[in-house]
Amino acid sequence: LAMVAEGADVIDVGACSTRPGSESVDAREEMKRLEWALAAI
């Protein structure tokens, strides 16, 4: 809500860190995180 109020045109949601050297979570965990997050947004 703060981003939208500040003028964001797009919200980009990530559920699996891709920083240098990071280790990926599995697809099931990624989807579990995204399901509740996208529904809330």
PDB file of all heavy atoms in Angstrom:
ATOM      1  N   LEU A   1       0.828  -1.204   0.000  1.00  0.00           N
ATOM      2  CA  LEU A   1       0.000   0.000   0.000  1.00  0.00           C
ATOM      3  C   LEU A   1       0.865   1.257   0.000  1.00  0.00           C
ATOM      4  O   LEU A   1       0.521   2.259  -0.643  1.00  0.00           O
ATOM      5  CB  LEU A   1      -0.949  -0.010   1.192  1.00  0.00           C
ATOM      6  CG  LEU A   1      -2.086  -1.032   1.124  1.00  0.00           C
ATOM      7  CD1 LEU A   1      -2.943  -0.969   2.395  1.00  0.00           C
ATOM      8  CD2 LEU A   1      -2.954  -0.820  -0.111  1.00  0.00           C
ATOM      9  N   ALA A   2       1.989   1.215   0.699  1.00  0.00           N
ATOM     10  CA  ALA A   2       2.902   2.362   0.699  1.00  0.00           C
ATOM     11  C   ALA A   2       3.485   2.575  -0.692  1.00  0.00           C
ATOM     12  O   ALA A   2       3.575   3.721  -1.173  1.00  0.00           O
ATOM     13  CB  ALA A   2       4.019   2.141   1.720  1.00  0.00           C
ATOM     14  N   MET A   3       3.882   1.498  -1.362  1.00  0.00           N
ATOM     15  CA  MET A   3       4.439   1.613  -2.715  1.00  0.00           C
ATOM     16  C   MET A   3       3.409   2.167  -3.701  1.00  0.00           C
ATOM     17  O   MET A   3       3.730   3.024  -4.535  1.00  0.00           O
ATOM     18  CB  MET A   3       4.937   0.250  -3.194  1.00  0.00           C
ATOM     19  CG  MET A   3       6.222  -0.198  -2.558  1.00  0.00           C
ATOM     20  SD  MET A   3       6.762  -1.800  -3.221  1.00  0.00           S
ATOM     21  CE  MET A   3       8.466  -1.807  -2.666  1.00  0.00           C
ATOM     22  N   VAL A   4       2.186   1.677  -3.604  1.00  0.00           N
ATOM     23  CA  VAL A   4       1.129   2.167  -4.493  1.00  0.00           C
ATOM     24  C   VAL A   4       0.885   3.650  -4.242  1.00  0.00           C
ATOM     25  O   VAL A   4       0.758   4.447  -5.185  1.00  0.00           O
ATOM     26  CB  VAL A   4      -0.165   1.345  -4.300  1.00  0.00           C
ATOM     27  CG1 VAL A   4      -1.324   1.979  -5.055  1.00  0.00           C
ATOM     28  CG2 VAL A   4       0.048  -0.095  -4.771  1.00  0.00           C
ATOM     29  N   ALA A   5       0.846   4.058  -2.977  1.00  0.00           N
ATOM     30  CA  ALA A   5       0.632   5.464  -2.634  1.00  0.00           C
ATOM     31  C   ALA A   5       1.778   6.341  -3.139  1.00  0.00           C
ATOM     32  O   ALA A   5       1.557   7.507  -3.513  1.00  0.00           O
ATOM     33  CB  ALA A   5       0.478   5.619  -1.123  1.00  0.00           C
ATOM     34  N   GLU A   6       2.978   5.796  -3.167  1.00  0.00           N
ATOM     35  CA  GLU A   6       4.143   6.550  -3.642  1.00  0.00           C
ATOM     36  C   GLU A   6       4.237   6.601  -5.159  1.00  0.00           C
ATOM     37  O   GLU A   6       5.074   7.332  -5.699  1.00  0.00           O
ATOM     38  CB  GLU A   6       5.416   5.941  -3.058  1.00  0.00           C
ATOM     39  CG  GLU A   6       5.572   6.175  -1.560  1.00  0.00           C
ATOM     40  CD  GLU A   6       6.709   5.398  -0.937  1.00  0.00           C
ATOM     41  OE1 GLU A   6       7.322   4.560  -1.633  1.00  0.00           O
ATOM     42  OE2 GLU A   6       6.986   5.627   0.263  1.00  0.00           O
ATOM     43  N   GLY A   7       3.396   5.838  -5.854  1.00  0.00           N
ATOM     44  CA  GLY A   7       3.362   5.935  -7.312  1.00  0.00           C
ATOM     45  C   GLY A   7       3.885   4.748  -8.072  1.00  0.00           C
ATOM     46  O   GLY A   7       4.162   4.855  -9.272  1.00  0.00           O
ATOM     47  N   ALA A   8       4.017   3.582  -7.434  1.00  0.00           N
ATOM     48  CA  ALA A   8       4.490   2.392  -8.150  1.00  0.00           C
ATOM     49  C   ALA A   8       3.506   2.024  -9.262  1.00  0.00           C
ATOM     50  O   ALA A   8       2.302   2.012  -9.060  1.00  0.00           O
ATOM     51  CB  ALA A   8       4.648   1.215  -7.196  1.00  0.00           C
ATOM     52  N   ASP A   9       4.039   1.720 -10.430  1.00  0.00           N
ATOM     53  CA  ASP A   9       3.224   1.252 -11.551  1.00  0.00           C
ATOM     54  C   ASP A   9       3.072  -0.261 -11.530  1.00  0.00           C
ATOM     55  O   ASP A   9       2.083  -0.798 -12.022  1.00  0.00           O
ATOM     56  CB  ASP A   9       3.876   1.669 -12.878  1.00  0.00           C
ATOM     57  CG  ASP A   9       4.011   3.170 -12.998  1.00  0.00           C
ATOM     58  OD1 ASP A   9       3.020   3.826 -13.361  1.00  0.00           O
ATOM     59  OD2 ASP A   9       5.111   3.696 -12.712  1.00  0.00           O
ATOM     60  N   VAL A  10       4.077  -0.948 -10.984  1.00  0.00           N
ATOM     61  CA  VAL A  10       4.110  -2.409 -10.947  1.00  0.00           C
ATOM     62  C   VAL A  10       4.652  -2.839  -9.591  1.00  0.00           C
ATOM     63  O   VAL A  10       5.541  -2.183  -9.037  1.00  0.00           O
ATOM     64  CB  VAL A  10       5.026  -2.992 -12.059  1.00  0.00           C
ATOM     65  CG1 VAL A  10       4.941  -4.516 -12.092  1.00  0.00           C
ATOM     66  CG2 VAL A  10       4.701  -2.402 -13.421  1.00  0.00           C
ATOM     67  N   ILE A  11       4.127  -3.938  -9.055  1.00  0.00           N
ATOM     68  CA  ILE A  11       4.699  -4.575  -7.865  1.00  0.00           C
ATOM     69  C   ILE A  11       5.306  -5.899  -8.325  1.00  0.00           C
ATOM     70  O   ILE A  11       4.641  -6.706  -8.975  1.00  0.00           O
ATOM     71  CB  ILE A  11       3.637  -4.840  -6.779  1.00  0.00           C
ATOM     72  CG1 ILE A  11       2.986  -3.523  -6.314  1.00  0.00           C
ATOM     73  CG2 ILE A  11       4.262  -5.581  -5.595  1.00  0.00           C
ATOM     74  CD1 ILE A  11       3.917  -2.561  -5.625  1.00  0.00           C
ATOM     75  N   ASP A  12       6.572  -6.122  -7.994  1.00  0.00           N
ATOM     76  CA  ASP A  12       7.289  -7.333  -8.388  1.00  0.00           C
ATOM     77  C   ASP A  12       7.549  -8.174  -7.147  1.00  0.00           C
ATOM     78  O   ASP A  12       8.263  -7.739  -6.238  1.00  0.00           O
ATOM     79  CB  ASP A  12       8.610  -6.967  -9.071  1.00  0.00           C
ATOM     80  CG  ASP A  12       9.316  -8.172  -9.666  1.00  0.00           C
ATOM     81  OD1 ASP A  12       8.688  -8.899 -10.455  1.00  0.00           O
ATOM     82  OD2 ASP A  12      10.510  -8.385  -9.352  1.00  0.00           O
ATOM     83  N   VAL A  13       6.979  -9.373  -7.107  1.00  0.00           N
ATOM     84  CA  VAL A  13       7.051 -10.225  -5.924  1.00  0.00           C
ATOM     85  C   VAL A  13       7.991 -11.396  -6.166  1.00  0.00           C
ATOM     86  O   VAL A  13       7.851 -12.134  -7.155  1.00  0.00           O
ATOM     87  CB  VAL A  13       5.650 -10.765  -5.550  1.00  0.00           C
ATOM     88  CG1 VAL A  13       5.714 -11.534  -4.237  1.00  0.00           C
ATOM     89  CG2 VAL A  13       4.640  -9.640  -5.456  1.00  0.00           C
ATOM     90  N   GLY A  14       8.932 -11.573  -5.268  1.00  0.00           N
ATOM     91  CA  GLY A  14       9.853 -12.694  -5.345  1.00  0.00           C
ATOM     92  C   GLY A  14       9.758 -13.564  -4.108  1.00  0.00           C
ATOM     93  O   GLY A  14       9.576 -13.055  -2.996  1.00  0.00           O
ATOM     94  N   ALA A  15       9.902 -14.879  -4.300  1.00  0.00           N
ATOM     95  CA  ALA A  15       9.810 -15.807  -3.169  1.00  0.00           C
ATOM     96  C   ALA A  15      10.997 -16.757  -3.114  1.00  0.00           C
ATOM     97  O   ALA A  15      10.981 -17.739  -2.378  1.00  0.00           O
ATOM     98  CB  ALA A  15       8.510 -16.601  -3.256  1.00  0.00           C
ATOM     99  N   CYS A  16      12.010 -16.457  -3.923  1.00  0.00           N
ATOM    100  CA  CYS A  16      13.218 -17.294  -3.955  1.00  0.00           C
ATOM    101  C   CYS A  16      14.397 -16.372  -4.198  1.00  0.00           C
ATOM    102  O   CYS A  16      14.525 -15.802  -5.281  1.00  0.00           O
ATOM    103  CB  CYS A  16      13.094 -18.346  -5.068  1.00  0.00           C
ATOM    104  SG  CYS A  16      14.556 -19.383  -5.282  1.00  0.00           S
ATOM    105  N   SER A  17      15.239 -16.184  -3.194  1.00  0.00           N
ATOM    106  CA  SER A  17      16.350 -15.248  -3.313  1.00  0.00           C
ATOM    107  C   SER A  17      17.294 -15.644  -4.444  1.00  0.00           C
ATOM    108  O   SER A  17      17.625 -16.827  -4.610  1.00  0.00           O
ATOM    109  CB  SER A  17      17.134 -15.178  -2.005  1.00  0.00           C
ATOM    110  OG  SER A  17      18.240 -14.310  -2.144  1.00  0.00           O
ATOM    111  N   THR A  18      17.725 -14.624  -5.220  1.00  0.00           N
ATOM    112  CA  THR A  18      18.673 -14.874  -6.308  1.00  0.00           C
ATOM    113  C   THR A  18      19.919 -14.001  -6.139  1.00  0.00           C
ATOM    114  O   THR A  18      20.614 -13.720  -7.115  1.00  0.00           O
ATOM    115  CB  THR A  18      18.014 -14.595  -7.680  1.00  0.00           C
ATOM    116  OG1 THR A  18      17.471 -13.266  -7.676  1.00  0.00           O
ATOM    117  CG2 THR A  18      16.925 -15.596  -7.965  1.00  0.00           C
ATOM    118  N   ARG A  19      20.208 -13.589  -4.920  1.00  0.00           N
ATOM    119  CA  ARG A  19      21.415 -12.801  -4.688  1.00  0.00           C
ATOM    120  C   ARG A  19      22.635 -13.658  -5.007  1.00  0.00           C
ATOM    121  O   ARG A  19      22.573 -14.899  -4.955  1.00  0.00           O
ATOM    122  CB  ARG A  19      21.461 -12.320  -3.234  1.00  0.00           C
ATOM    123  CG  ARG A  19      21.841 -13.399  -2.247  1.00  0.00           C
ATOM    124  CD  ARG A  19      21.756 -12.939  -0.803  1.00  0.00           C
ATOM    125  NE  ARG A  19      22.398 -13.885   0.092  1.00  0.00           N
ATOM    126  CZ  ARG A  19      21.872 -15.043   0.477  1.00  0.00           C
ATOM    127  NH1 ARG A  19      20.673 -15.400   0.043  1.00  0.00           N
ATOM    128  NH2 ARG A  19      22.535 -15.845   1.291  1.00  0.00           N
ATOM    129  N   PRO A  20      23.787 -13.051  -5.349  1.00  0.00           N
ATOM    130  CA  PRO A  20      24.982 -13.840  -5.646  1.00  0.00           C
ATOM    131  C   PRO A  20      25.318 -14.813  -4.519  1.00  0.00           C
ATOM    132  O   PRO A  20      25.367 -14.450  -3.353  1.00  0.00           O
ATOM    133  CB  PRO A  20      26.069 -12.770  -5.801  1.00  0.00           C
ATOM    134  CG  PRO A  20      25.327 -11.553  -6.243  1.00  0.00           C
ATOM    135  CD  PRO A  20      24.005 -11.614  -5.525  1.00  0.00           C
ATOM    136  N   GLY A  21      25.515 -16.079  -4.897  1.00  0.00           N
ATOM    137  CA  GLY A  21      25.871 -17.107  -3.934  1.00  0.00           C
ATOM    138  C   GLY A  21      24.712 -17.733  -3.203  1.00  0.00           C
ATOM    139  O   GLY A  21      24.910 -18.635  -2.384  1.00  0.00           O
ATOM    140  N   SER A  22      23.489 -17.296  -3.493  1.00  0.00           N
ATOM    141  CA  SER A  22      22.328 -17.825  -2.773  1.00  0.00           C
ATOM    142  C   SER A  22      21.987 -19.234  -3.222  1.00  0.00           C
ATOM    143  O   SER A  22      22.298 -19.644  -4.335  1.00  0.00           O
ATOM    144  CB  SER A  22      21.108 -16.924  -2.989  1.00  0.00           C
ATOM    145  OG  SER A  22      20.730 -16.912  -4.353  1.00  0.00           O
ATOM    146  N   GLU A  23      21.335 -19.976  -2.331  1.00  0.00           N
ATOM    147  CA  GLU A  23      20.849 -21.312  -2.658  1.00  0.00           C
ATOM    148  C   GLU A  23      19.330 -21.253  -2.808  1.00  0.00           C
ATOM    149  O   GLU A  23      18.631 -20.654  -1.999  1.00  0.00           O
ATOM    150  CB  GLU A  23      21.235 -22.302  -1.546  1.00  0.00           C
ATOM    151  CG  GLU A  23      22.735 -22.525  -1.425  1.00  0.00           C
ATOM    152  CD  GLU A  23      23.077 -23.569  -0.382  1.00  0.00           C
ATOM    153  OE1 GLU A  23      22.137 -24.221   0.136  1.00  0.00           O
ATOM    154  OE2 GLU A  23      24.265 -23.736  -0.094  1.00  0.00           O
ATOM    155  N   SER A  24      18.828 -21.886  -3.867  1.00  0.00           N
ATOM    156  CA  SER A  24      17.405 -21.809  -4.170  1.00  0.00           C
ATOM    157  C   SER A  24      16.578 -22.668  -3.215  1.00  0.00           C
ATOM    158  O   SER A  24      16.999 -23.753  -2.810  1.00  0.00           O
ATOM    159  CB  SER A  24      17.148 -22.286  -5.606  1.00  0.00           C
ATOM    160  OG  SER A  24      17.781 -21.436  -6.521  1.00  0.00           O
ATOM    161  N   VAL A  25      15.388 -22.154  -2.879  1.00  0.00           N
ATOM    162  CA  VAL A  25      14.411 -23.005  -2.210  1.00  0.00           C
ATOM    163  C   VAL A  25      13.736 -23.847  -3.284  1.00  0.00           C
ATOM    164  O   VAL A  25      13.808 -23.550  -4.476  1.00  0.00           O
ATOM    165  CB  VAL A  25      13.358 -22.167  -1.455  1.00  0.00           C
ATOM    166  CG1 VAL A  25      14.016 -21.346  -0.372  1.00  0.00           C
ATOM    167  CG2 VAL A  25      12.575 -21.276  -2.413  1.00  0.00           C
ATOM    168  N   ASP A  26      13.068 -24.937  -2.877  1.00  0.00           N
ATOM    169  CA  ASP A  26      12.417 -25.768  -3.887  1.00  0.00           C
ATOM    170  C   ASP A  26      11.123 -25.116  -4.354  1.00  0.00           C
ATOM    171  O   ASP A  26      10.620 -24.158  -3.769  1.00  0.00           O
ATOM    172  CB  ASP A  26      12.171 -27.192  -3.363  1.00  0.00           C
ATOM    173  CG  ASP A  26      11.260 -27.260  -2.141  1.00  0.00           C
ATOM    174  OD1 ASP A  26      10.384 -26.377  -1.988  1.00  0.00           O
ATOM    175  OD2 ASP A  26      11.412 -28.201  -1.346  1.00  0.00           O
ATOM    176  N   ALA A  27      10.586 -25.647  -5.457  1.00  0.00           N
ATOM    177  CA  ALA A  27       9.410 -25.058  -6.092  1.00  0.00           C
ATOM    178  C   ALA A  27       8.209 -25.060  -5.159  1.00  0.00           C
ATOM    179  O   ALA A  27       7.409 -24.113  -5.156  1.00  0.00           O
ATOM    180  CB  ALA A  27       9.084 -25.809  -7.382  1.00  0.00           C
ATOM    181  N   ARG A  28       8.078 -26.104  -4.353  1.00  0.00           N
ATOM    182  CA  ARG A  28       6.930 -26.189  -3.451  1.00  0.00           C
ATOM    183  C   ARG A  28       6.949 -25.052  -2.438  1.00  0.00           C
ATOM    184  O   ARG A  28       5.917 -24.413  -2.183  1.00  0.00           O
ATOM    185  CB  ARG A  28       6.934 -27.542  -2.733  1.00  0.00           C
ATOM    186  CG  ARG A  28       5.755 -27.726  -1.783  1.00  0.00           C
ATOM    187  CD  ARG A  28       5.777 -29.111  -1.137  1.00  0.00           C
ATOM    188  NE  ARG A  28       5.652 -30.174  -2.132  1.00  0.00           N
ATOM    189  CZ  ARG A  28       5.648 -31.471  -1.834  1.00  0.00           C
ATOM    190  NH1 ARG A  28       5.749 -31.854  -0.574  1.00  0.00           N
ATOM    191  NH2 ARG A  28       5.525 -32.373  -2.776  1.00  0.00           N
ATOM    192  N   GLU A  29       8.108 -24.772  -1.866  1.00  0.00           N
ATOM    193  CA  GLU A  29       8.222 -23.680  -0.900  1.00  0.00           C
ATOM    194  C   GLU A  29       8.006 -22.331  -1.576  1.00  0.00           C
ATOM    195  O   GLU A  29       7.349 -21.444  -1.021  1.00  0.00           O
ATOM    196  CB  GLU A  29       9.590 -23.720  -0.215  1.00  0.00           C
ATOM    197  CG  GLU A  29       9.835 -22.585   0.774  1.00  0.00           C
ATOM    198  CD  GLU A  29       8.864 -22.577   1.949  1.00  0.00           C
ATOM    199  OE1 GLU A  29       8.302 -23.644   2.293  1.00  0.00           O
ATOM    200  OE2 GLU A  29       8.669 -21.497   2.543  1.00  0.00           O
ATOM    201  N   GLU A  30       8.554 -22.176  -2.786  1.00  0.00           N
ATOM    202  CA  GLU A  30       8.365 -20.923  -3.523  1.00  0.00           C
ATOM    203  C   GLU A  30       6.876 -20.668  -3.780  1.00  0.00           C
ATOM    204  O   GLU A  30       6.367 -19.565  -3.569  1.00  0.00           O
ATOM    205  CB  GLU A  30       9.130 -20.975  -4.854  1.00  0.00           C
ATOM    206  CG  GLU A  30       9.071 -19.666  -5.630  1.00  0.00           C
ATOM    207  CD  GLU A  30       9.800 -19.724  -6.956  1.00  0.00           C
ATOM    208  OE1 GLU A  30      10.245 -20.828  -7.365  1.00  0.00           O
ATOM    209  OE2 GLU A  30       9.911 -18.665  -7.612  1.00  0.00           O
ATOM    210  N   MET A  31       6.152 -21.697  -4.216  1.00  0.00           N
ATOM    211  CA  MET A  31       4.725 -21.536  -4.493  1.00  0.00           C
ATOM    212  C   MET A  31       3.935 -21.277  -3.210  1.00  0.00           C
ATOM    213  O   MET A  31       2.976 -20.499  -3.210  1.00  0.00           O
ATOM    214  CB  MET A  31       4.186 -22.758  -5.233  1.00  0.00           C
ATOM    215  CG  MET A  31       4.584 -22.775  -6.701  1.00  0.00           C
ATOM    216  SD  MET A  31       3.671 -23.972  -7.711  1.00  0.00           S
ATOM    217  CE  MET A  31       4.587 -25.458  -7.394  1.00  0.00           C
ATOM    218  N   LYS A  32       4.329 -21.922  -2.134  1.00  0.00           N
ATOM    219  CA  LYS A  32       3.646 -21.711  -0.848  1.00  0.00           C
ATOM    220  C   LYS A  32       3.742 -20.244  -0.429  1.00  0.00           C
ATOM    221  O   LYS A  32       2.753 -19.638   0.021  1.00  0.00           O
ATOM    222  CB  LYS A  32       4.278 -22.619   0.210  1.00  0.00           C
ATOM    223  CG  LYS A  32       3.658 -22.511   1.595  1.00  0.00           C
ATOM    224  CD  LYS A  32       4.357 -23.455   2.561  1.00  0.00           C
ATOM    225  CE  LYS A  32       3.833 -23.303   3.993  1.00  0.00           C
ATOM    226  NZ  LYS A  32       4.568 -24.189   4.935  1.00  0.00           N
ATOM    227  N   ARG A  33       4.922 -19.661  -0.596  1.00  0.00           N
ATOM    228  CA  ARG A  33       5.108 -18.260  -0.241  1.00  0.00           C
ATOM    229  C   ARG A  33       4.316 -17.335  -1.174  1.00  0.00           C
ATOM    230  O   ARG A  33       3.702 -16.358  -0.729  1.00  0.00           O
ATOM    231  CB  ARG A  33       6.596 -17.898  -0.316  1.00  0.00           C
ATOM    232  CG  ARG A  33       7.485 -18.603   0.691  1.00  0.00           C
ATOM    233  CD  ARG A  33       8.963 -18.315   0.409  1.00  0.00           C
ATOM    234  NE  ARG A  33       9.841 -18.976   1.369  1.00  0.00           N
ATOM    235  CZ  ARG A  33      11.178 -18.913   1.308  1.00  0.00           C
ATOM    236  NH1 ARG A  33      11.770 -18.230   0.332  1.00  0.00           N
ATOM    237  NH2 ARG A  33      11.912 -19.533   2.211  1.00  0.00           N
ATOM    238  N   LEU A  34       4.340 -17.640  -2.461  1.00  0.00           N
ATOM    239  CA  LEU A  34       3.676 -16.779  -3.434  1.00  0.00           C
ATOM    240  C   LEU A  34       2.164 -16.826  -3.321  1.00  0.00           C
ATOM    241  O   LEU A  34       1.487 -15.810  -3.537  1.00  0.00           O
ATOM    242  CB  LEU A  34       4.102 -17.162  -4.861  1.00  0.00           C
ATOM    243  CG  LEU A  34       5.520 -16.749  -5.254  1.00  0.00           C
ATOM    244  CD1 LEU A  34       5.933 -17.428  -6.544  1.00  0.00           C
ATOM    245  CD2 LEU A  34       5.623 -15.223  -5.400  1.00  0.00           C
ATOM    246  N   GLU A  35       1.616 -17.981  -2.977  1.00  0.00           N
ATOM    247  CA  GLU A  35       0.158 -18.120  -2.936  1.00  0.00           C
ATOM    248  C   GLU A  35      -0.464 -17.120  -1.964  1.00  0.00           C
ATOM    249  O   GLU A  35      -1.408 -16.396  -2.313  1.00  0.00           O
ATOM    250  CB  GLU A  35      -0.230 -19.549  -2.562  1.00  0.00           C
ATOM    251  CG  GLU A  35      -1.731 -19.764  -2.572  1.00  0.00           C
ATOM    252  CD  GLU A  35      -2.131 -21.217  -2.302  1.00  0.00           C
ATOM    253  OE1 GLU A  35      -1.250 -22.018  -1.916  1.00  0.00           O
ATOM    254  OE2 GLU A  35      -3.321 -21.521  -2.483  1.00  0.00           O
ATOM    255  N   TRP A  36       0.067 -17.067  -0.747  1.00  0.00           N
ATOM    256  CA  TRP A  36      -0.539 -16.154   0.223  1.00  0.00           C
ATOM    257  C   TRP A  36      -0.199 -14.701  -0.100  1.00  0.00           C
ATOM    258  O   TRP A  36      -1.035 -13.800   0.085  1.00  0.00           O
ATOM    259  CB  TRP A  36      -0.125 -16.501   1.656  1.00  0.00           C
ATOM    260  CG  TRP A  36       1.309 -16.246   2.035  1.00  0.00           C
ATOM    261  CD1 TRP A  36       2.325 -17.149   2.063  1.00  0.00           C
ATOM    262  CD2 TRP A  36       1.875 -14.997   2.472  1.00  0.00           C
ATOM    263  NE1 TRP A  36       3.496 -16.547   2.474  1.00  0.00           N
ATOM    264  CE2 TRP A  36       3.245 -15.231   2.732  1.00  0.00           C
ATOM    265  CE3 TRP A  36       1.368 -13.710   2.658  1.00  0.00           C
ATOM    266  CZ2 TRP A  36       4.117 -14.229   3.165  1.00  0.00           C
ATOM    267  CZ3 TRP A  36       2.231 -12.700   3.084  1.00  0.00           C
ATOM    268  CH2 TRP A  36       3.580 -12.967   3.345  1.00  0.00           C
ATOM    269  N   ALA A  37       1.010 -14.466  -0.625  1.00  0.00           N
ATOM    270  CA  ALA A  37       1.427 -13.098  -0.908  1.00  0.00           C
ATOM    271  C   ALA A  37       0.606 -12.482  -2.038  1.00  0.00           C
ATOM    272  O   ALA A  37       0.121 -11.346  -1.926  1.00  0.00           O
ATOM    273  CB  ALA A  37       2.911 -13.069  -1.263  1.00  0.00           C
ATOM    274  N   LEU A  38       0.427 -13.220  -3.137  1.00  0.00           N
ATOM    275  CA  LEU A  38      -0.322 -12.682  -4.264  1.00  0.00           C
ATOM    276  C   LEU A  38      -1.790 -12.486  -3.903  1.00  0.00           C
ATOM    277  O   LEU A  38      -2.426 -11.509  -4.324  1.00  0.00           O
ATOM    278  CB  LEU A  38      -0.179 -13.595  -5.481  1.00  0.00           C
ATOM    279  CG  LEU A  38       1.244 -13.767  -6.026  1.00  0.00           C
ATOM    280  CD1 LEU A  38       1.240 -14.657  -7.260  1.00  0.00           C
ATOM    281  CD2 LEU A  38       1.879 -12.432  -6.338  1.00  0.00           C
ATOM    282  N   ALA A  39      -2.347 -13.408  -3.118  1.00  0.00           N
ATOM    283  CA  ALA A  39      -3.735 -13.267  -2.686  1.00  0.00           C
ATOM    284  C   ALA A  39      -3.903 -11.999  -1.849  1.00  0.00           C
ATOM    285  O   ALA A  39      -4.886 -11.253  -2.013  1.00  0.00           O
ATOM    286  CB  ALA A  39      -4.171 -14.493  -1.889  1.00  0.00           C
ATOM    287  N   ALA A  40      -2.973 -11.733  -0.966  1.00  0.00           N
ATOM    288  CA  ALA A  40      -3.057 -10.547  -0.113  1.00  0.00           C
ATOM    289  C   ALA A  40      -2.944  -9.268  -0.936  1.00  0.00           C
ATOM    290  O   ALA A  40      -3.687  -8.301  -0.713  1.00  0.00           O
ATOM    291  CB  ALA A  40      -1.960 -10.589   0.947  1.00  0.00           C
ATOM    292  N   ILE A  41      -2.031  -9.262  -1.904  1.00  0.00           N
ATOM    293  CA  ILE A  41      -1.857  -8.060  -2.737  1.00  0.00           C
ATOM    294  C   ILE A  41      -3.106  -7.804  -3.576  1.00  0.00           C
ATOM    295  O   ILE A  41      -3.591  -6.677  -3.669  1.00  0.00           O
ATOM    296  CB  ILE A  41      -0.619  -8.205  -3.637  1.00  0.00           C
ATOM    297  CG1 ILE A  41       0.650  -8.245  -2.785  1.00  0.00           C
ATOM    298  CG2 ILE A  41      -0.542  -7.035  -4.637  1.00  0.00           C
ATOM    299  CD1 ILE A  41       1.899  -8.620  -3.546  1.00  0.00           C
TER     300      ILE A  41
END
